[in-house]
């Protein structure tokens, strides 16, 4: 169910009309992207860090499954990877994820601020 669109005072705000896609709108979008052009290396690096951050985020539940399975296998008497080793790997994954997430935020913030500064100087 969708959330009501209330203003801060609880009253309903006016609906904003949807903008139709035209050639003029696309030209405006390309003009905005032209301000990102000088910073494209940092932008692409930020995209790489998004992918790496996503991969480490998805690996954490997998390692949690491995941790639970290893504890269950030890109870059954079979040889498995010790839970302490898996927990250490999980802590390392969180550390790497922290670095990737910081780098992603730092790069996109710097690109956005520099592009906005360029737009303001042109205006």
PDB file of N, CA and C in Angstrom:
ATOM      1  N   UNK A   1       0.831  -1.164   0.000  1.00  0.00           N
ATOM      2  CA  UNK A   1       0.000   0.000   0.000  1.00  0.00           C
ATOM      3  C   UNK A   1       0.882   1.236   0.000  1.00  0.00           C
ATOM      4  N   UNK A   2       0.574   2.201  -0.835  1.00  0.00           N
ATOM      5  CA  UNK A   2       1.382   3.401  -0.965  1.00  0.00           C
ATOM      6  C   UNK A   2       1.161   4.329   0.217  1.00  0.00           C
ATOM      7  N   UNK A   3       2.192   5.060   0.544  1.00  0.00           N
ATOM      8  CA  UNK A   3       2.129   6.014   1.643  1.00  0.00           C
ATOM      9  C   UNK A   3       1.430   7.288   1.195  1.00  0.00           C
ATOM     10  N   UNK A   4       0.641   7.896   2.083  1.00  0.00           N
ATOM     11  CA  UNK A   4      -0.005   9.164   1.763  1.00  0.00           C
ATOM     12  C   UNK A   4       1.048  10.247   1.607  1.00  0.00           C
ATOM     13  N   UNK A   5       0.809  11.149   0.690  1.00  0.00           N
ATOM     14  CA  UNK A   5       1.745  12.253   0.472  1.00  0.00           C
ATOM     15  C   UNK A   5       1.290  13.457   1.279  1.00  0.00           C
ATOM     16  N   UNK A   6       1.735  13.514   2.518  1.00  0.00           N
ATOM     17  CA  UNK A   6       1.365  14.606   3.403  1.00  0.00           C
ATOM     18  C   UNK A   6       2.493  15.618   3.494  1.00  0.00           C
ATOM     19  N   UNK A   7       2.129  16.873   3.691  1.00  0.00           N
ATOM     20  CA  UNK A   7       3.107  17.897   3.995  1.00  0.00           C
ATOM     21  C   UNK A   7       3.506  17.749   5.449  1.00  0.00           C
ATOM     22  N   UNK A   8       4.427  18.586   5.896  1.00  0.00           N
ATOM     23  CA  UNK A   8       4.889  18.481   7.275  1.00  0.00           C
ATOM     24  C   UNK A   8       3.787  18.824   8.275  1.00  0.00           C
ATOM     25  N   UNK A   9       2.776  19.588   7.839  1.00  0.00           N
ATOM     26  CA  UNK A   9       1.696  19.922   8.759  1.00  0.00           C
ATOM     27  C   UNK A   9       0.538  18.928   8.675  1.00  0.00           C
ATOM     28  N   UNK A  10       0.666  17.867   7.903  1.00  0.00           N
ATOM     29  CA  UNK A  10      -0.341  16.819   7.827  1.00  0.00           C
ATOM     30  C   UNK A  10      -1.362  16.990   6.725  1.00  0.00           C
ATOM     31  N   UNK A  11      -1.318  18.116   6.006  1.00  0.00           N
ATOM     32  CA  UNK A  11      -2.268  18.318   4.918  1.00  0.00           C
ATOM     33  C   UNK A  11      -1.750  17.674   3.645  1.00  0.00           C
ATOM     34  N   UNK A  12      -2.655  17.315   2.771  1.00  0.00           N
ATOM     35  CA  UNK A  12      -2.251  16.715   1.498  1.00  0.00           C
ATOM     36  C   UNK A  12      -1.699  17.783   0.573  1.00  0.00           C
ATOM     37  N   UNK A  13      -0.566  17.480  -0.057  1.00  0.00           N
ATOM     38  CA  UNK A  13       0.027  18.407  -1.008  1.00  0.00           C
ATOM     39  C   UNK A  13      -0.578  18.227  -2.390  1.00  0.00           C
ATOM     40  N   UNK A  14      -0.302  19.175  -3.259  1.00  0.00           N
ATOM     41  CA  UNK A  14      -0.804  19.091  -4.618  1.00  0.00           C
ATOM     42  C   UNK A  14      -0.004  18.051  -5.395  1.00  0.00           C
ATOM     43  N   UNK A  15      -0.672  17.351  -6.287  1.00  0.00           N
ATOM     44  CA  UNK A  15      -0.005  16.376  -7.134  1.00  0.00           C
ATOM     45  C   UNK A  15       0.791  17.105  -8.207  1.00  0.00           C
ATOM     46  N   UNK A  16       2.023  16.694  -8.400  1.00  0.00           N
ATOM     47  CA  UNK A  16       2.870  17.290  -9.421  1.00  0.00           C
ATOM     48  C   UNK A  16       2.574  16.585 -10.740  1.00  0.00           C
ATOM     49  N   UNK A  17       2.325  17.344 -11.800  1.00  0.00           N
ATOM     50  CA  UNK A  17       2.034  16.691 -13.077  1.00  0.00           C
ATOM     51  C   UNK A  17       3.276  15.978 -13.623  1.00  0.00           C
ATOM     52  N   UNK A  18       3.061  14.854 -14.292  1.00  0.00           N
ATOM     53  CA  UNK A  18       4.165  14.091 -14.854  1.00  0.00           C
ATOM     54  C   UNK A  18       4.676  14.783 -16.111  1.00  0.00           C
ATOM     55  N   UNK A  19       5.985  14.786 -16.282  1.00  0.00           N
ATOM     56  CA  UNK A  19       6.610  15.439 -17.427  1.00  0.00           C
ATOM     57  C   UNK A  19       6.703  14.422 -18.555  1.00  0.00           C
ATOM     58  N   UNK A  20       6.313  14.846 -19.749  1.00  0.00           N
ATOM     59  CA  UNK A  20       6.392  13.963 -20.906  1.00  0.00           C
ATOM     60  C   UNK A  20       7.805  13.999 -21.466  1.00  0.00           C
ATOM     61  N   UNK A  21       8.234  12.882 -22.015  1.00  0.00           N
ATOM     62  CA  UNK A  21       9.566  12.740 -22.565  1.00  0.00           C
ATOM     63  C   UNK A  21       9.585  13.311 -23.976  1.00  0.00           C
ATOM     64  N   UNK A  22      10.397  14.354 -24.167  1.00  0.00           N
ATOM     65  CA  UNK A  22      10.538  14.982 -25.483  1.00  0.00           C
ATOM     66  C   UNK A  22      12.010  15.122 -25.819  1.00  0.00           C
ATOM     67  N   UNK A  23      12.286  15.539 -27.059  1.00  0.00           N
ATOM     68  CA  UNK A  23      13.679  15.751 -27.466  1.00  0.00           C
ATOM     69  C   UNK A  23      14.319  16.882 -26.679  1.00  0.00           C
ATOM     70  N   UNK A  24      13.543  17.897 -26.359  1.00  0.00           N
ATOM     71  CA  UNK A  24      14.077  19.022 -25.589  1.00  0.00           C
ATOM     72  C   UNK A  24      14.489  18.574 -24.190  1.00  0.00           C
ATOM     73  N   UNK A  25      13.684  17.710 -23.571  1.00  0.00           N
ATOM     74  CA  UNK A  25      14.038  17.197 -22.242  1.00  0.00           C
ATOM     75  C   UNK A  25      15.313  16.363 -22.299  1.00  0.00           C
ATOM     76  N   UNK A  26      15.459  15.577 -23.365  1.00  0.00           N
ATOM     77  CA  UNK A  26      16.671  14.766 -23.501  1.00  0.00           C
ATOM     78  C   UNK A  26      17.897  15.642 -23.704  1.00  0.00           C
ATOM     79  N   UNK A  27      17.757  16.749 -24.424  1.00  0.00           N
ATOM     80  CA  UNK A  27      18.881  17.671 -24.605  1.00  0.00           C
ATOM     81  C   UNK A  27      19.290  18.292 -23.272  1.00  0.00           C
ATOM     82  N   UNK A  28      18.301  18.615 -22.435  1.00  0.00           N
ATOM     83  CA  UNK A  28      18.607  19.156 -21.111  1.00  0.00           C
ATOM     84  C   UNK A  28      19.351  18.139 -20.255  1.00  0.00           C
ATOM     85  N   UNK A  29      18.952  16.883 -20.348  1.00  0.00           N
ATOM     86  CA  UNK A  29      19.622  15.826 -19.583  1.00  0.00           C
ATOM     87  C   UNK A  29      21.065  15.676 -20.054  1.00  0.00           C
ATOM     88  N   UNK A  30      21.276  15.684 -21.364  1.00  0.00           N
ATOM     89  CA  UNK A  30      22.634  15.569 -21.890  1.00  0.00           C
ATOM     90  C   UNK A  30      23.486  16.768 -21.488  1.00  0.00           C
ATOM     91  N   UNK A  31      22.876  17.936 -21.385  1.00  0.00           N
ATOM     92  CA  UNK A  31      23.603  19.111 -20.929  1.00  0.00           C
ATOM     93  C   UNK A  31      24.059  18.927 -19.484  1.00  0.00           C
ATOM     94  N   UNK A  32      23.199  18.356 -18.659  1.00  0.00           N
ATOM     95  CA  UNK A  32      23.576  18.105 -17.262  1.00  0.00           C
ATOM     96  C   UNK A  32      24.699  17.071 -17.192  1.00  0.00           C
ATOM     97  N   UNK A  33      24.619  16.025 -18.015  1.00  0.00           N
ATOM     98  CA  UNK A  33      25.676  15.012 -18.005  1.00  0.00           C
ATOM     99  C   UNK A  33      26.993  15.556 -18.533  1.00  0.00           C
ATOM    100  N   UNK A  34      26.967  16.619 -19.311  1.00  0.00           N
ATOM    101  CA  UNK A  34      28.222  17.201 -19.801  1.00  0.00           C
ATOM    102  C   UNK A  34      29.048  17.767 -18.642  1.00  0.00           C
ATOM    103  N   UNK A  35      28.388  18.144 -17.555  1.00  0.00           N
ATOM    104  CA  UNK A  35      29.125  18.622 -16.380  1.00  0.00           C
ATOM    105  C   UNK A  35      29.820  17.472 -15.647  1.00  0.00           C
ATOM    106  N   UNK A  36      29.378  16.256 -15.847  1.00  0.00           N
ATOM    107  CA  UNK A  36      30.026  15.098 -15.232  1.00  0.00           C
ATOM    108  C   UNK A  36      31.221  14.601 -16.030  1.00  0.00           C
ATOM    109  N   UNK A  37      31.338  15.042 -17.275  1.00  0.00           N
ATOM    110  CA  UNK A  37      32.377  14.527 -18.173  1.00  0.00           C
ATOM    111  C   UNK A  37      33.798  14.672 -17.616  1.00  0.00           C
ATOM    112  N   UNK A  38      34.172  15.823 -17.027  1.00  0.00           N
ATOM    113  CA  UNK A  38      35.543  15.917 -16.503  1.00  0.00           C
ATOM    114  C   UNK A  38      35.821  14.964 -15.339  1.00  0.00           C
ATOM    115  N   UNK A  39      34.777  14.458 -14.715  1.00  0.00           N
ATOM    116  CA  UNK A  39      34.935  13.610 -13.534  1.00  0.00           C
ATOM    117  C   UNK A  39      34.539  12.164 -13.817  1.00  0.00           C
ATOM    118  N   UNK A  40      34.567  11.770 -15.087  1.00  0.00           N
ATOM    119  CA  UNK A  40      34.062  10.436 -15.447  1.00  0.00           C
ATOM    120  C   UNK A  40      34.900   9.304 -14.873  1.00  0.00           C
ATOM    121  N   UNK A  41      36.221   9.504 -14.713  1.00  0.00           N
ATOM    122  CA  UNK A  41      37.042   8.437 -14.131  1.00  0.00           C
ATOM    123  C   UNK A  41      36.642   8.166 -12.684  1.00  0.00           C
ATOM    124  N   UNK A  42      36.429   9.252 -11.923  1.00  0.00           N
ATOM    125  CA  UNK A  42      35.991   9.080 -10.536  1.00  0.00           C
ATOM    126  C   UNK A  42      34.584   8.485 -10.488  1.00  0.00           C
ATOM    127  N   UNK A  43      33.727   8.893 -11.421  1.00  0.00           N
ATOM    128  CA  UNK A  43      32.360   8.376 -11.460  1.00  0.00           C
ATOM    129  C   UNK A  43      32.362   6.879 -11.758  1.00  0.00           C
ATOM    130  N   UNK A  44      33.156   6.462 -12.729  1.00  0.00           N
ATOM    131  CA  UNK A  44      33.235   5.033 -13.082  1.00  0.00           C
ATOM    132  C   UNK A  44      33.850   4.239 -11.929  1.00  0.00           C
ATOM    133  N   UNK A  45      34.860   4.811 -11.271  1.00  0.00           N
ATOM    134  CA  UNK A  45      35.447   4.148 -10.108  1.00  0.00           C
ATOM    135  C   UNK A  45      34.401   3.989  -9.005  1.00  0.00           C
ATOM    136  N   UNK A  46      33.558   5.003  -8.829  1.00  0.00           N
ATOM    137  CA  UNK A  46      32.471   4.905  -7.857  1.00  0.00           C
ATOM    138  C   UNK A  46      31.500   3.793  -8.209  1.00  0.00           C
ATOM    139  N   UNK A  47      31.209   3.628  -9.505  1.00  0.00           N
ATOM    140  CA  UNK A  47      30.335   2.539  -9.936  1.00  0.00           C
ATOM    141  C   UNK A  47      30.952   1.171  -9.633  1.00  0.00           C
ATOM    142  N   UNK A  48      32.269   1.074  -9.803  1.00  0.00           N
ATOM    143  CA  UNK A  48      32.960  -0.181  -9.473  1.00  0.00           C
ATOM    144  C   UNK A  48      32.833  -0.457  -7.976  1.00  0.00           C
ATOM    145  N   UNK A  49      32.990   0.590  -7.163  1.00  0.00           N
ATOM    146  CA  UNK A  49      32.864   0.404  -5.720  1.00  0.00           C
ATOM    147  C   UNK A  49      31.434   0.048  -5.322  1.00  0.00           C
ATOM    148  N   UNK A  50      30.445   0.519  -6.077  1.00  0.00           N
ATOM    149  CA  UNK A  50      29.058   0.094  -5.806  1.00  0.00           C
ATOM    150  C   UNK A  50      28.923  -1.407  -6.037  1.00  0.00           C
ATOM    151  N   UNK A  51      29.499  -1.901  -7.142  1.00  0.00           N
ATOM    152  CA  UNK A  51      29.415  -3.338  -7.432  1.00  0.00           C
ATOM    153  C   UNK A  51      30.146  -4.155  -6.361  1.00  0.00           C
ATOM    154  N   UNK A  52      31.324  -3.695  -5.961  1.00  0.00           N
ATOM    155  CA  UNK A  52      32.083  -4.417  -4.937  1.00  0.00           C
ATOM    156  C   UNK A  52      31.369  -4.388  -3.586  1.00  0.00           C
ATOM    157  N   UNK A  53      30.781  -3.247  -3.262  1.00  0.00           N
ATOM    158  CA  UNK A  53      30.030  -3.145  -2.015  1.00  0.00           C
ATOM    159  C   UNK A  53      28.818  -4.067  -2.034  1.00  0.00           C
ATOM    160  N   UNK A  54      28.153  -4.140  -3.176  1.00  0.00           N
ATOM    161  CA  UNK A  54      27.010  -5.046  -3.303  1.00  0.00           C
ATOM    162  C   UNK A  54      27.421  -6.504  -3.181  1.00  0.00           C
ATOM    163  N   UNK A  55      28.574  -6.842  -3.770  1.00  0.00           N
ATOM    164  CA  UNK A  55      29.045  -8.228  -3.690  1.00  0.00           C
ATOM    165  C   UNK A  55      29.380  -8.618  -2.252  1.00  0.00           C
ATOM    166  N   UNK A  56      30.025  -7.715  -1.518  1.00  0.00           N
ATOM    167  CA  UNK A  56      30.345  -8.045  -0.134  1.00  0.00           C
ATOM    168  C   UNK A  56      29.079  -8.088   0.729  1.00  0.00           C
ATOM    169  N   UNK A  57      28.112  -7.242   0.395  1.00  0.00           N
ATOM    170  CA  UNK A  57      26.849  -7.277   1.133  1.00  0.00           C
ATOM    171  C   UNK A  57      26.132  -8.606   0.920  1.00  0.00           C
ATOM    172  N   UNK A  58      26.166  -9.109  -0.309  1.00  0.00           N
ATOM    173  CA  UNK A  58      25.499 -10.384  -0.597  1.00  0.00           C
ATOM    174  C   UNK A  58      26.274 -11.579  -0.043  1.00  0.00           C
ATOM    175  N   UNK A  59      27.583 -11.440   0.129  1.00  0.00           N
ATOM    176  CA  UNK A  59      28.362 -12.569   0.638  1.00  0.00           C
ATOM    177  C   UNK A  59      28.154 -12.779   2.141  1.00  0.00           C
ATOM    178  N   UNK A  60      27.734 -11.743   2.853  1.00  0.00           N
ATOM    179  CA  UNK A  60      27.575 -11.871   4.303  1.00  0.00           C
ATOM    180  C   UNK A  60      26.505 -12.894   4.692  1.00  0.00           C
ATOM    181  N   UNK A  61      25.303 -12.887   4.099  1.00  0.00           N
ATOM    182  CA  UNK A  61      24.324 -13.938   4.454  1.00  0.00           C
ATOM    183  C   UNK A  61      24.810 -15.343   4.083  1.00  0.00           C
ATOM    184  N   UNK A  62      25.562 -15.460   2.997  1.00  0.00           N
ATOM    185  CA  UNK A  62      26.116 -16.767   2.616  1.00  0.00           C
ATOM    186  C   UNK A  62      27.061 -17.270   3.705  1.00  0.00           C
ATOM    187  N   UNK A  63      27.917 -16.366   4.203  1.00  0.00           N
ATOM    188  CA  UNK A  63      28.846 -16.769   5.250  1.00  0.00           C
ATOM    189  C   UNK A  63      28.107 -17.068   6.557  1.00  0.00           C
ATOM    190  N   UNK A  64      27.012 -16.373   6.808  1.00  0.00           N
ATOM    191  CA  UNK A  64      26.203 -16.667   7.985  1.00  0.00           C
ATOM    192  C   UNK A  64      25.620 -18.074   7.897  1.00  0.00           C
ATOM    193  N   UNK A  65      25.187 -18.457   6.702  1.00  0.00           N
ATOM    194  CA  UNK A  65      24.694 -19.822   6.483  1.00  0.00           C
ATOM    195  C   UNK A  65      25.812 -20.835   6.751  1.00  0.00           C
ATOM    196  N   UNK A  66      27.014 -20.525   6.262  1.00  0.00           N
ATOM    197  CA  UNK A  66      28.160 -21.416   6.490  1.00  0.00           C
ATOM    198  C   UNK A  66      28.463 -21.538   7.987  1.00  0.00           C
ATOM    199  N   UNK A  67      28.334 -20.431   8.705  1.00  0.00           N
ATOM    200  CA  UNK A  67      28.602 -20.451  10.141  1.00  0.00           C
ATOM    201  C   UNK A  67      27.599 -21.338  10.870  1.00  0.00           C
ATOM    202  N   UNK A  68      26.337 -21.202  10.522  1.00  0.00           N
ATOM    203  CA  UNK A  68      25.305 -22.037  11.158  1.00  0.00           C
ATOM    204  C   UNK A  68      25.497 -23.504  10.787  1.00  0.00           C
ATOM    205  N   UNK A  69      25.799 -23.779   9.526  1.00  0.00           N
ATOM    206  CA  UNK A  69      26.021 -25.159   9.098  1.00  0.00           C
ATOM    207  C   UNK A  69      27.237 -25.773   9.785  1.00  0.00           C
ATOM    208  N   UNK A  70      28.302 -24.985   9.983  1.00  0.00           N
ATOM    209  CA  UNK A  70      29.499 -25.536  10.621  1.00  0.00           C
ATOM    210  C   UNK A  70      29.224 -25.894  12.079  1.00  0.00           C
ATOM    211  N   UNK A  71      28.428 -25.082  12.749  1.00  0.00           N
ATOM    212  CA  UNK A  71      28.083 -25.398  14.137  1.00  0.00           C
ATOM    213  C   UNK A  71      27.230 -26.663  14.204  1.00  0.00           C
ATOM    214  N   UNK A  72      26.347 -26.850  13.235  1.00  0.00           N
ATOM    215  CA  UNK A  72      25.494 -28.039  13.193  1.00  0.00           C
ATOM    216  C   UNK A  72      26.329 -29.288  12.883  1.00  0.00           C
ATOM    217  N   UNK A  73      27.298 -29.158  11.982  1.00  0.00           N
ATOM    218  CA  UNK A  73      28.133 -30.307  11.609  1.00  0.00           C
ATOM    219  C   UNK A  73      29.042 -30.730  12.749  1.00  0.00           C
ATOM    220  N   UNK A  74      29.509 -29.773  13.547  1.00  0.00           N
ATOM    221  CA  UNK A  74      30.355 -30.127  14.689  1.00  0.00           C
ATOM    222  C   UNK A  74      29.545 -30.944  15.692  1.00  0.00           C
ATOM    223  N   UNK A  75      28.280 -30.597  15.867  1.00  0.00           N
ATOM    224  CA  UNK A  75      27.421 -31.342  16.786  1.00  0.00           C
ATOM    225  C   UNK A  75      27.191 -32.766  16.314  1.00  0.00           C
ATOM    226  N   UNK A  76      27.271 -32.988  14.991  1.00  0.00           N
ATOM    227  CA  UNK A  76      27.061 -34.334  14.454  1.00  0.00           C
ATOM    228  C   UNK A  76      28.351 -35.144  14.418  1.00  0.00           C
ATOM    229  N   UNK A  77      29.481 -34.498  14.733  1.00  0.00           N
ATOM    230  CA  UNK A  77      30.743 -35.225  14.807  1.00  0.00           C
ATOM    231  C   UNK A  77      31.538 -35.238  13.509  1.00  0.00           C
ATOM    232  N   UNK A  78      31.076 -34.620  12.444  1.00  0.00           N
ATOM    233  CA  UNK A  78      31.843 -34.610  11.199  1.00  0.00           C
ATOM    234  C   UNK A  78      32.862 -33.471  11.202  1.00  0.00           C
ATOM    235  N   UNK A  79      33.826 -33.576  10.316  1.00  0.00           N
ATOM    236  CA  UNK A  79      34.886 -32.568  10.238  1.00  0.00           C
ATOM    237  C   UNK A  79      34.387 -31.414   9.369  1.00  0.00           C
ATOM    238  N   UNK A  80      34.495 -30.206   9.902  1.00  0.00           N
ATOM    239  CA  UNK A  80      34.044 -29.018   9.174  1.00  0.00           C
ATOM    240  C   UNK A  80      34.975 -27.858   9.500  1.00  0.00           C
ATOM    241  N   UNK A  81      34.795 -26.766   8.801  1.00  0.00           N
ATOM    242  CA  UNK A  81      35.551 -25.557   9.103  1.00  0.00           C
ATOM    243  C   UNK A  81      35.096 -25.041  10.470  1.00  0.00           C
ATOM    244  N   UNK A  82      36.039 -24.743  11.341  1.00  0.00           N
ATOM    245  CA  UNK A  82      35.651 -24.271  12.683  1.00  0.00           C
ATOM    246  C   UNK A  82      34.849 -22.967  12.606  1.00  0.00           C
ATOM    247  N   UNK A  83      33.863 -22.819  13.469  1.00  0.00           N
ATOM    248  CA  UNK A  83      33.053 -21.591  13.456  1.00  0.00           C
ATOM    249  C   UNK A  83      33.874 -20.331  13.708  1.00  0.00           C
ATOM    250  N   UNK A  84      34.953 -20.445  14.465  1.00  0.00           N
ATOM    251  CA  UNK A  84      35.803 -19.280  14.733  1.00  0.00           C
ATOM    252  C   UNK A  84      36.450 -18.745  13.463  1.00  0.00           C
ATOM    253  N   UNK A  85      36.837 -19.648  12.578  1.00  0.00           N
ATOM    254  CA  UNK A  85      37.450 -19.232  11.310  1.00  0.00           C
ATOM    255  C   UNK A  85      36.414 -18.519  10.433  1.00  0.00           C
ATOM    256  N   UNK A  86      35.223 -19.084  10.383  1.00  0.00           N
ATOM    257  CA  UNK A  86      34.173 -18.473   9.572  1.00  0.00           C
ATOM    258  C   UNK A  86      33.780 -17.113  10.148  1.00  0.00           C
ATOM    259  N   UNK A  87      33.711 -16.995  11.464  1.00  0.00           N
ATOM    260  CA  UNK A  87      33.385 -15.715  12.097  1.00  0.00           C
ATOM    261  C   UNK A  87      34.466 -14.674  11.806  1.00  0.00           C
ATOM    262  N   UNK A  88      35.727 -15.089  11.788  1.00  0.00           N
ATOM    263  CA  UNK A  88      36.819 -14.181  11.456  1.00  0.00           C
ATOM    264  C   UNK A  88      36.706 -13.708  10.010  1.00  0.00           C
ATOM    265  N   UNK A  89      36.355 -14.611   9.117  1.00  0.00           N
ATOM    266  CA  UNK A  89      36.154 -14.237   7.709  1.00  0.00           C
ATOM    267  C   UNK A  89      35.008 -13.238   7.594  1.00  0.00           C
ATOM    268  N   UNK A  90      33.949 -13.446   8.369  1.00  0.00           N
ATOM    269  CA  UNK A  90      32.807 -12.525   8.329  1.00  0.00           C
ATOM    270  C   UNK A  90      33.207 -11.132   8.816  1.00  0.00           C
ATOM    271  N   UNK A  91      34.022 -11.057   9.843  1.00  0.00           N
ATOM    272  CA  UNK A  91      34.490  -9.757  10.329  1.00  0.00           C
ATOM    273  C   UNK A  91      35.356  -9.086   9.269  1.00  0.00           C
ATOM    274  N   UNK A  92      36.190  -9.861   8.590  1.00  0.00           N
ATOM    275  CA  UNK A  92      37.010  -9.311   7.505  1.00  0.00           C
ATOM    276  C   UNK A  92      36.132  -8.807   6.359  1.00  0.00           C
ATOM    277  N   UNK A  93      35.083  -9.544   6.032  1.00  0.00           N
ATOM    278  CA  UNK A  93      34.156  -9.114   4.985  1.00  0.00           C
ATOM    279  C   UNK A  93      33.510  -7.787   5.368  1.00  0.00           C
ATOM    280  N   UNK A  94      33.109  -7.647   6.628  1.00  0.00           N
ATOM    281  CA  UNK A  94      32.516  -6.383   7.076  1.00  0.00           C
ATOM    282  C   UNK A  94      33.515  -5.233   6.981  1.00  0.00           C
ATOM    283  N   UNK A  95      34.777  -5.503   7.295  1.00  0.00           N
ATOM    284  CA  UNK A  95      35.809  -4.469   7.172  1.00  0.00           C
ATOM    285  C   UNK A  95      36.014  -4.035   5.732  1.00  0.00           C
ATOM    286  N   UNK A  96      36.070  -5.012   4.826  1.00  0.00           N
ATOM    287  CA  UNK A  96      36.228  -4.696   3.406  1.00  0.00           C
ATOM    288  C   UNK A  96      34.999  -3.955   2.888  1.00  0.00           C
ATOM    289  N   UNK A  97      33.822  -4.379   3.332  1.00  0.00           N
ATOM    290  CA  UNK A  97      32.589  -3.708   2.915  1.00  0.00           C
ATOM    291  C   UNK A  97      32.578  -2.257   3.399  1.00  0.00           C
ATOM    292  N   UNK A  98      33.088  -2.021   4.583  1.00  0.00           N
ATOM    293  CA  UNK A  98      33.157  -0.663   5.120  1.00  0.00           C
ATOM    294  C   UNK A  98      34.049   0.217   4.238  1.00  0.00           C
ATOM    295  N   UNK A  99      35.177  -0.312   3.801  1.00  0.00           N
ATOM    296  CA  UNK A  99      36.084   0.439   2.933  1.00  0.00           C
ATOM    297  C   UNK A  99      35.428   0.723   1.587  1.00  0.00           C
ATOM    298  N   UNK A 100      34.781  -0.285   0.993  1.00  0.00           N
ATOM    299  CA  UNK A 100      34.113  -0.102  -0.296  1.00  0.00           C
ATOM    300  C   UNK A 100      32.989   0.934  -0.195  1.00  0.00           C
ATOM    301  N   UNK A 101      32.211   0.865   0.869  1.00  0.00           N
ATOM    302  CA  UNK A 101      31.096   1.801   1.031  1.00  0.00           C
ATOM    303  C   UNK A 101      31.595   3.220   1.248  1.00  0.00           C
ATOM    304  N   UNK A 102      32.640   3.391   2.034  1.00  0.00           N
ATOM    305  CA  UNK A 102      33.205   4.723   2.235  1.00  0.00           C
ATOM    306  C   UNK A 102      33.724   5.288   0.927  1.00  0.00           C
ATOM    307  N   UNK A 103      34.447   4.469   0.166  1.00  0.00           N
ATOM    308  CA  UNK A 103      35.003   4.935  -1.104  1.00  0.00           C
ATOM    309  C   UNK A 103      33.891   5.333  -2.071  1.00  0.00           C
ATOM    310  N   UNK A 104      32.846   4.552  -2.115  1.00  0.00           N
ATOM    311  CA  UNK A 104      31.701   4.850  -2.989  1.00  0.00           C
ATOM    312  C   UNK A 104      31.086   6.192  -2.624  1.00  0.00           C
ATOM    313  N   UNK A 105      30.823   6.394  -1.349  1.00  0.00           N
ATOM    314  CA  UNK A 105      30.205   7.651  -0.907  1.00  0.00           C
ATOM    315  C   UNK A 105      31.142   8.824  -1.149  1.00  0.00           C
ATOM    316  N   UNK A 106      32.419   8.662  -0.854  1.00  0.00           N
ATOM    317  CA  UNK A 106      33.393   9.736  -1.046  1.00  0.00           C
ATOM    318  C   UNK A 106      33.475  10.138  -2.515  1.00  0.00           C
ATOM    319  N   UNK A 107      33.572   9.154  -3.403  1.00  0.00           N
ATOM    320  CA  UNK A 107      33.715   9.464  -4.823  1.00  0.00           C
ATOM    321  C   UNK A 107      32.469  10.137  -5.384  1.00  0.00           C
ATOM    322  N   UNK A 108      31.298   9.601  -5.091  1.00  0.00           N
ATOM    323  CA  UNK A 108      30.077  10.195  -5.640  1.00  0.00           C
ATOM    324  C   UNK A 108      29.803  11.576  -5.045  1.00  0.00           C
ATOM    325  N   UNK A 109      30.159  11.775  -3.785  1.00  0.00           N
ATOM    326  CA  UNK A 109      29.972  13.096  -3.191  1.00  0.00           C
ATOM    327  C   UNK A 109      30.894  14.113  -3.841  1.00  0.00           C
ATOM    328  N   UNK A 110      32.137  13.736  -4.049  1.00  0.00           N
ATOM    329  CA  UNK A 110      33.077  14.686  -4.660  1.00  0.00           C
ATOM    330  C   UNK A 110      32.692  14.984  -6.115  1.00  0.00           C
ATOM    331  N   UNK A 111      32.270  13.971  -6.853  1.00  0.00           N
ATOM    332  CA  UNK A 111      31.839  14.199  -8.237  1.00  0.00           C
ATOM    333  C   UNK A 111      30.612  15.108  -8.264  1.00  0.00           C
ATOM    334  N   UNK A 112      29.642  14.830  -7.414  1.00  0.00           N
ATOM    335  CA  UNK A 112      28.431  15.641  -7.380  1.00  0.00           C
ATOM    336  C   UNK A 112      28.704  17.083  -6.985  1.00  0.00           C
ATOM    337  N   UNK A 113      29.542  17.280  -5.969  1.00  0.00           N
ATOM    338  CA  UNK A 113      29.843  18.644  -5.529  1.00  0.00           C
ATOM    339  C   UNK A 113      30.626  19.415  -6.590  1.00  0.00           C
ATOM    340  N   UNK A 114      31.589  18.759  -7.232  1.00  0.00           N
ATOM    341  CA  UNK A 114      32.363  19.441  -8.269  1.00  0.00           C
ATOM    342  C   UNK A 114      31.509  19.763  -9.491  1.00  0.00           C
ATOM    343  N   UNK A 115      30.653  18.839  -9.897  1.00  0.00           N
ATOM    344  CA  UNK A 115      29.773  19.102 -11.038  1.00  0.00           C
ATOM    345  C   UNK A 115      28.806  20.233 -10.709  1.00  0.00           C
ATOM    346  N   UNK A 116      28.285  20.255  -9.500  1.00  0.00           N
ATOM    347  CA  UNK A 116      27.374  21.321  -9.095  1.00  0.00           C
ATOM    348  C   UNK A 116      28.100  22.661  -9.039  1.00  0.00           C
ATOM    349  N   UNK A 117      29.347  22.666  -8.583  1.00  0.00           N
ATOM    350  CA  UNK A 117      30.134  23.899  -8.562  1.00  0.00           C
ATOM    351  C   UNK A 117      30.368  24.413  -9.980  1.00  0.00           C
ATOM    352  N   UNK A 118      30.627  23.504 -10.918  1.00  0.00           N
ATOM    353  CA  UNK A 118      30.802  23.900 -12.318  1.00  0.00           C
ATOM    354  C   UNK A 118      29.512  24.486 -12.887  1.00  0.00           C
ATOM    355  N   UNK A 119      28.375  23.861 -12.557  1.00  0.00           N
ATOM    356  CA  UNK A 119      27.089  24.395 -13.031  1.00  0.00           C
ATOM    357  C   UNK A 119      26.838  25.790 -12.468  1.00  0.00           C
ATOM    358  N   UNK A 120      27.119  25.969 -11.187  1.00  0.00           N
ATOM    359  CA  UNK A 120      26.890  27.277 -10.570  1.00  0.00           C
ATOM    360  C   UNK A 120      27.804  28.349 -11.155  1.00  0.00           C
ATOM    361  N   UNK A 121      29.043  27.978 -11.455  1.00  0.00           N
ATOM    362  CA  UNK A 121      29.947  28.976 -12.043  1.00  0.00           C
ATOM    363  C   UNK A 121      29.510  29.349 -13.453  1.00  0.00           C
ATOM    364  N   UNK A 122      28.935  28.418 -14.200  1.00  0.00           N
ATOM    365  CA  UNK A 122      28.428  28.725 -15.531  1.00  0.00           C
ATOM    366  C   UNK A 122      27.167  29.580 -15.483  1.00  0.00           C
ATOM    367  N   UNK A 123      26.356  29.359 -14.455  1.00  0.00           N
ATOM    368  CA  UNK A 123      25.118  30.142 -14.344  1.00  0.00           C
ATOM    369  C   UNK A 123      25.469  31.542 -13.879  1.00  0.00           C
TER     370      UNK A 123
END
